[in-house]
Amino acid sequence: MLQGLPADTPIAVVQHASLPQQRCVVSTLRDLTEVVEREQLASPSIIIVGDVLRGLTQVAAQSEGTKRMA
């Protein structure tokens, strides 16, 4: 992160994408490690990084199985 993306860059971790047990956690790059450990996210998971997620937070608030982490 020192020369890459800012720490407040939005991220989403989607576990078991497209399956009934899908879970999605939205946070920031700064908190990625903490969120993955706390929520016990494991394979298979997809990590989405960047501004494309700024609009997702509004959609995620209405979506079941999505958590917003600060």
N, C-alpha and C. Protein backbone atom coordinates (compact mmCIF):
# COMPACT_ATOMS: atom_id res chain seq x y z
N MET A 1 0.81 -1.20 0.00
CA MET A 1 0.00 0.00 0.00
C MET A 1 0.85 1.26 0.00
N LEU A 2 2.11 1.17 0.37
CA LEU A 2 2.93 2.37 0.47
C LEU A 2 2.98 3.14 -0.85
N GLN A 3 3.05 2.44 -1.96
CA GLN A 3 3.11 3.11 -3.25
C GLN A 3 1.95 2.71 -4.15
N GLY A 4 0.98 2.02 -3.59
CA GLY A 4 -0.15 1.55 -4.38
C GLY A 4 -1.40 2.36 -4.11
N LEU A 5 -2.47 1.68 -3.92
CA LEU A 5 -3.77 2.31 -3.70
C LEU A 5 -3.88 2.89 -2.29
N PRO A 6 -4.68 3.93 -2.12
CA PRO A 6 -4.89 4.52 -0.79
C PRO A 6 -5.56 3.51 0.15
N ALA A 7 -5.30 3.65 1.43
CA ALA A 7 -5.84 2.74 2.44
C ALA A 7 -7.36 2.76 2.48
N ASP A 8 -7.97 3.88 2.08
CA ASP A 8 -9.43 3.96 2.13
C ASP A 8 -10.11 3.45 0.84
N THR A 9 -9.34 2.80 -0.02
CA THR A 9 -9.89 2.20 -1.23
C THR A 9 -10.91 1.13 -0.85
N PRO A 10 -12.10 1.17 -1.42
CA PRO A 10 -13.11 0.17 -1.06
C PRO A 10 -12.75 -1.22 -1.57
N ILE A 11 -13.12 -2.23 -0.79
CA ILE A 11 -12.94 -3.63 -1.18
C ILE A 11 -14.21 -4.40 -0.85
N ALA A 12 -14.40 -5.48 -1.54
CA ALA A 12 -15.47 -6.42 -1.19
C ALA A 12 -14.87 -7.81 -1.28
N VAL A 13 -15.20 -8.63 -0.31
CA VAL A 13 -14.81 -10.04 -0.34
C VAL A 13 -16.10 -10.84 -0.49
N VAL A 14 -16.18 -11.60 -1.57
CA VAL A 14 -17.36 -12.41 -1.84
C VAL A 14 -16.96 -13.88 -1.71
N GLN A 15 -17.54 -14.54 -0.74
CA GLN A 15 -17.26 -15.96 -0.52
C GLN A 15 -18.40 -16.78 -1.12
N HIS A 16 -18.07 -17.87 -1.77
CA HIS A 16 -19.06 -18.76 -2.40
C HIS A 16 -19.96 -18.00 -3.37
N ALA A 17 -19.35 -17.19 -4.24
CA ALA A 17 -20.13 -16.39 -5.20
C ALA A 17 -21.07 -17.26 -6.01
N SER A 18 -22.28 -16.80 -6.15
CA SER A 18 -23.37 -17.40 -6.93
C SER A 18 -23.98 -18.65 -6.31
N LEU A 19 -23.54 -19.01 -5.12
CA LEU A 19 -24.10 -20.18 -4.44
C LEU A 19 -25.06 -19.73 -3.34
N PRO A 20 -25.93 -20.60 -2.90
CA PRO A 20 -26.89 -20.21 -1.85
C PRO A 20 -26.22 -19.70 -0.58
N GLN A 21 -25.03 -20.17 -0.26
CA GLN A 21 -24.33 -19.74 0.95
C GLN A 21 -23.41 -18.54 0.71
N GLN A 22 -23.61 -17.81 -0.38
CA GLN A 22 -22.79 -16.64 -0.68
C GLN A 22 -22.82 -15.64 0.47
N ARG A 23 -21.64 -15.09 0.76
CA ARG A 23 -21.51 -14.01 1.73
C ARG A 23 -20.66 -12.91 1.10
N CYS A 24 -20.99 -11.66 1.40
CA CYS A 24 -20.24 -10.53 0.87
C CYS A 24 -19.98 -9.55 2.00
N VAL A 25 -18.73 -9.15 2.15
CA VAL A 25 -18.34 -8.17 3.15
C VAL A 25 -17.69 -7.01 2.43
N VAL A 26 -18.16 -5.80 2.69
CA VAL A 26 -17.63 -4.59 2.08
C VAL A 26 -16.87 -3.81 3.14
N SER A 27 -15.65 -3.39 2.81
CA SER A 27 -14.82 -2.65 3.76
C SER A 27 -13.83 -1.79 2.99
N THR A 28 -12.66 -1.58 3.59
CA THR A 28 -11.60 -0.82 2.93
C THR A 28 -10.33 -1.66 2.85
N LEU A 29 -9.43 -1.26 2.00
CA LEU A 29 -8.16 -1.95 1.86
C LEU A 29 -7.42 -1.98 3.20
N ARG A 30 -7.52 -0.90 3.95
CA ARG A 30 -6.87 -0.80 5.26
C ARG A 30 -7.29 -1.94 6.19
N ASP A 31 -8.56 -2.32 6.13
CA ASP A 31 -9.12 -3.29 7.06
C ASP A 31 -9.28 -4.70 6.48
N LEU A 32 -8.74 -4.93 5.30
CA LEU A 32 -8.94 -6.20 4.61
C LEU A 32 -8.55 -7.40 5.46
N THR A 33 -7.36 -7.42 6.00
CA THR A 33 -6.89 -8.56 6.78
C THR A 33 -7.77 -8.79 8.00
N GLU A 34 -8.08 -7.72 8.71
CA GLU A 34 -8.90 -7.82 9.92
C GLU A 34 -10.29 -8.38 9.59
N VAL A 35 -10.90 -7.88 8.53
CA VAL A 35 -12.24 -8.30 8.14
C VAL A 35 -12.26 -9.78 7.74
N VAL A 36 -11.28 -10.20 6.96
CA VAL A 36 -11.22 -11.60 6.52
C VAL A 36 -11.08 -12.52 7.73
N GLU A 37 -10.23 -12.15 8.67
CA GLU A 37 -10.04 -12.97 9.86
C GLU A 37 -11.28 -12.97 10.74
N ARG A 38 -11.83 -11.80 11.01
CA ARG A 38 -12.98 -11.69 11.90
C ARG A 38 -14.20 -12.42 11.35
N GLU A 39 -14.45 -12.29 10.06
CA GLU A 39 -15.61 -12.92 9.43
C GLU A 39 -15.34 -14.36 9.00
N GLN A 40 -14.11 -14.82 9.21
CA GLN A 40 -13.70 -16.19 8.87
C GLN A 40 -14.01 -16.52 7.41
N LEU A 41 -13.63 -15.59 6.54
CA LEU A 41 -13.80 -15.80 5.10
C LEU A 41 -12.65 -16.67 4.60
N ALA A 42 -12.96 -17.64 3.78
CA ALA A 42 -11.95 -18.55 3.26
C ALA A 42 -12.27 -18.87 1.80
N SER A 43 -11.48 -19.74 1.22
CA SER A 43 -11.72 -20.17 -0.16
C SER A 43 -13.02 -20.93 -0.25
N PRO A 44 -13.68 -20.81 -1.35
CA PRO A 44 -13.40 -19.91 -2.47
C PRO A 44 -13.97 -18.52 -2.22
N SER A 45 -13.14 -17.52 -2.42
CA SER A 45 -13.54 -16.12 -2.27
C SER A 45 -12.95 -15.29 -3.39
N ILE A 46 -13.65 -14.23 -3.73
CA ILE A 46 -13.19 -13.26 -4.72
C ILE A 46 -13.03 -11.94 -3.99
N ILE A 47 -11.91 -11.25 -4.23
CA ILE A 47 -11.69 -9.92 -3.65
C ILE A 47 -11.80 -8.90 -4.78
N ILE A 48 -12.71 -7.96 -4.62
CA ILE A 48 -12.93 -6.90 -5.60
C ILE A 48 -12.39 -5.61 -4.99
N VAL A 49 -11.58 -4.89 -5.74
CA VAL A 49 -10.90 -3.70 -5.22
C VAL A 49 -11.16 -2.52 -6.14
N GLY A 50 -11.51 -1.37 -5.54
CA GLY A 50 -11.56 -0.14 -6.32
C GLY A 50 -12.85 0.62 -6.28
N ASP A 51 -12.86 1.69 -7.04
CA ASP A 51 -13.98 2.63 -7.05
C ASP A 51 -15.28 2.03 -7.56
N VAL A 52 -15.20 0.93 -8.29
CA VAL A 52 -16.42 0.29 -8.76
C VAL A 52 -17.32 -0.08 -7.58
N LEU A 53 -16.75 -0.22 -6.41
CA LEU A 53 -17.52 -0.60 -5.21
C LEU A 53 -18.23 0.57 -4.55
N ARG A 54 -17.91 1.77 -4.90
CA ARG A 54 -18.54 2.92 -4.24
C ARG A 54 -20.06 2.88 -4.42
N GLY A 55 -20.54 2.47 -5.57
CA GLY A 55 -21.98 2.35 -5.78
C GLY A 55 -22.55 1.08 -5.19
N LEU A 56 -21.71 0.08 -4.99
CA LEU A 56 -22.16 -1.19 -4.44
C LEU A 56 -22.66 -1.04 -3.01
N THR A 57 -22.11 -0.12 -2.26
CA THR A 57 -22.51 0.00 -0.86
C THR A 57 -24.00 0.29 -0.74
N GLN A 58 -24.55 1.04 -1.68
CA GLN A 58 -25.99 1.31 -1.65
C GLN A 58 -26.79 0.06 -2.01
N VAL A 59 -26.32 -0.68 -2.99
CA VAL A 59 -26.99 -1.91 -3.39
C VAL A 59 -26.84 -2.96 -2.29
N ALA A 60 -25.65 -3.04 -1.71
CA ALA A 60 -25.38 -4.04 -0.67
C ALA A 60 -26.24 -3.84 0.56
N ALA A 61 -26.58 -2.61 0.85
CA ALA A 61 -27.42 -2.33 2.02
C ALA A 61 -28.78 -2.99 1.88
N GLN A 62 -29.20 -3.23 0.65
CA GLN A 62 -30.50 -3.83 0.40
C GLN A 62 -30.40 -5.33 0.13
N SER A 63 -29.17 -5.84 0.05
CA SER A 63 -28.95 -7.24 -0.31
C SER A 63 -28.74 -8.10 0.93
N GLU A 64 -29.43 -9.21 0.97
CA GLU A 64 -29.28 -10.14 2.08
C GLU A 64 -27.91 -10.81 1.98
N GLY A 65 -27.25 -11.01 3.11
CA GLY A 65 -25.97 -11.68 3.13
C GLY A 65 -24.78 -10.77 2.91
N THR A 66 -24.99 -9.46 2.94
CA THR A 66 -23.90 -8.51 2.75
C THR A 66 -23.69 -7.72 4.03
N LYS A 67 -22.44 -7.64 4.46
CA LYS A 67 -22.11 -6.86 5.65
C LYS A 67 -21.24 -5.69 5.25
N ARG A 68 -21.48 -4.58 5.87
CA ARG A 68 -20.68 -3.37 5.66
C ARG A 68 -19.76 -3.24 6.85
N MET A 69 -18.46 -3.29 6.64
CA MET A 69 -17.48 -3.16 7.71
C MET A 69 -16.74 -1.85 7.54
N ALA A 70 -16.50 -1.14 8.62
CA ALA A 70 -15.82 0.15 8.54
C ALA A 70 -14.34 -0.01 8.59
